[in-house]
């Protein structure tokens, strides 16, 4: 193998690693947004049920 071929392969591997890191970051952002949305929806339901003034221990 020539050194240029090895350099190209290493470059390609680094590009794939970077692409994977970007995809993981995007996935984490999506998961965080979904969780936030779910918590907001649950808060709305608690408010509708007039449970917002209750002590959290009494809800359990």
Protein backbone atom coordinates (compact mmCIF):
# COMPACT_ATOMS: atom_id res chain seq x y z
CA UNK A 1 0.00 0.00 0.00
CA UNK A 2 1.18 3.44 -0.72
CA UNK A 3 1.29 6.15 1.89
CA UNK A 4 -1.19 8.31 -0.02
CA UNK A 5 -3.69 5.46 0.02
CA UNK A 6 -3.30 5.11 3.78
CA UNK A 7 -3.67 8.85 4.26
CA UNK A 8 -6.85 8.84 2.18
CA UNK A 9 -8.28 5.94 4.17
CA UNK A 10 -7.51 7.69 7.48
CA UNK A 11 -9.10 10.86 6.18
CA UNK A 12 -12.19 8.91 5.16
CA UNK A 13 -12.38 7.28 8.61
CA UNK A 14 -12.10 10.67 10.31
CA UNK A 15 -14.89 12.02 8.11
CA UNK A 16 -17.13 9.11 9.06
CA UNK A 17 -16.36 9.62 12.76
CA UNK A 18 -17.25 13.30 12.47
CA UNK A 19 -20.46 12.45 10.63
CA UNK A 20 -21.37 10.01 13.41
CA UNK A 21 -20.72 12.67 16.06
CA UNK A 22 -23.00 15.08 14.20
CA UNK A 23 -25.74 12.47 13.95
CA UNK A 24 -25.47 11.71 17.67
CA UNK A 25 -25.70 15.41 18.51
CA UNK A 26 -28.79 15.76 16.32
CA UNK A 27 -30.39 12.74 17.95
CA UNK A 28 -29.67 14.08 21.44
CA UNK A 29 -31.23 17.41 20.49
CA UNK A 30 -34.35 15.68 19.15
CA UNK A 31 -34.67 13.55 22.28
CA UNK A 32 -34.29 16.61 24.51
CA UNK A 33 -36.99 18.47 22.55
CA UNK A 34 -39.36 15.50 22.77
CA UNK A 35 -38.84 15.26 26.53
CA UNK A 36 -39.41 18.99 26.96
CA UNK A 37 -42.60 18.84 24.89
CA UNK A 38 -43.86 15.88 26.92
CA UNK A 39 -43.17 17.66 30.22
CA UNK A 40 -45.01 20.76 28.99
CA UNK A 41 -47.99 18.63 27.94
CA UNK A 42 -48.05 16.91 31.33
CA UNK A 43 -47.90 20.28 33.05
CA UNK A 44 -50.93 21.37 31.05
CA UNK A 45 -52.83 18.28 32.10
CA UNK A 46 -51.96 18.87 35.75
CA UNK A 47 -53.18 22.43 35.40
CA UNK A 48 -56.44 21.32 33.77
CA UNK A 49 -57.05 18.83 36.55
CA UNK A 50 -56.56 21.64 39.10
CA UNK A 51 -53.74 19.71 40.77
CA UNK A 52 -51.11 22.42 40.51
CA UNK A 53 -51.62 23.65 44.08
CA UNK A 54 -51.40 20.20 45.62
CA UNK A 55 -48.34 19.07 47.50
CA UNK A 56 -46.32 16.68 45.35
CA UNK A 57 -46.25 14.08 48.14
CA UNK A 58 -50.03 14.04 48.36
CA UNK A 59 -50.24 13.22 44.65
CA UNK A 60 -48.35 9.99 45.19
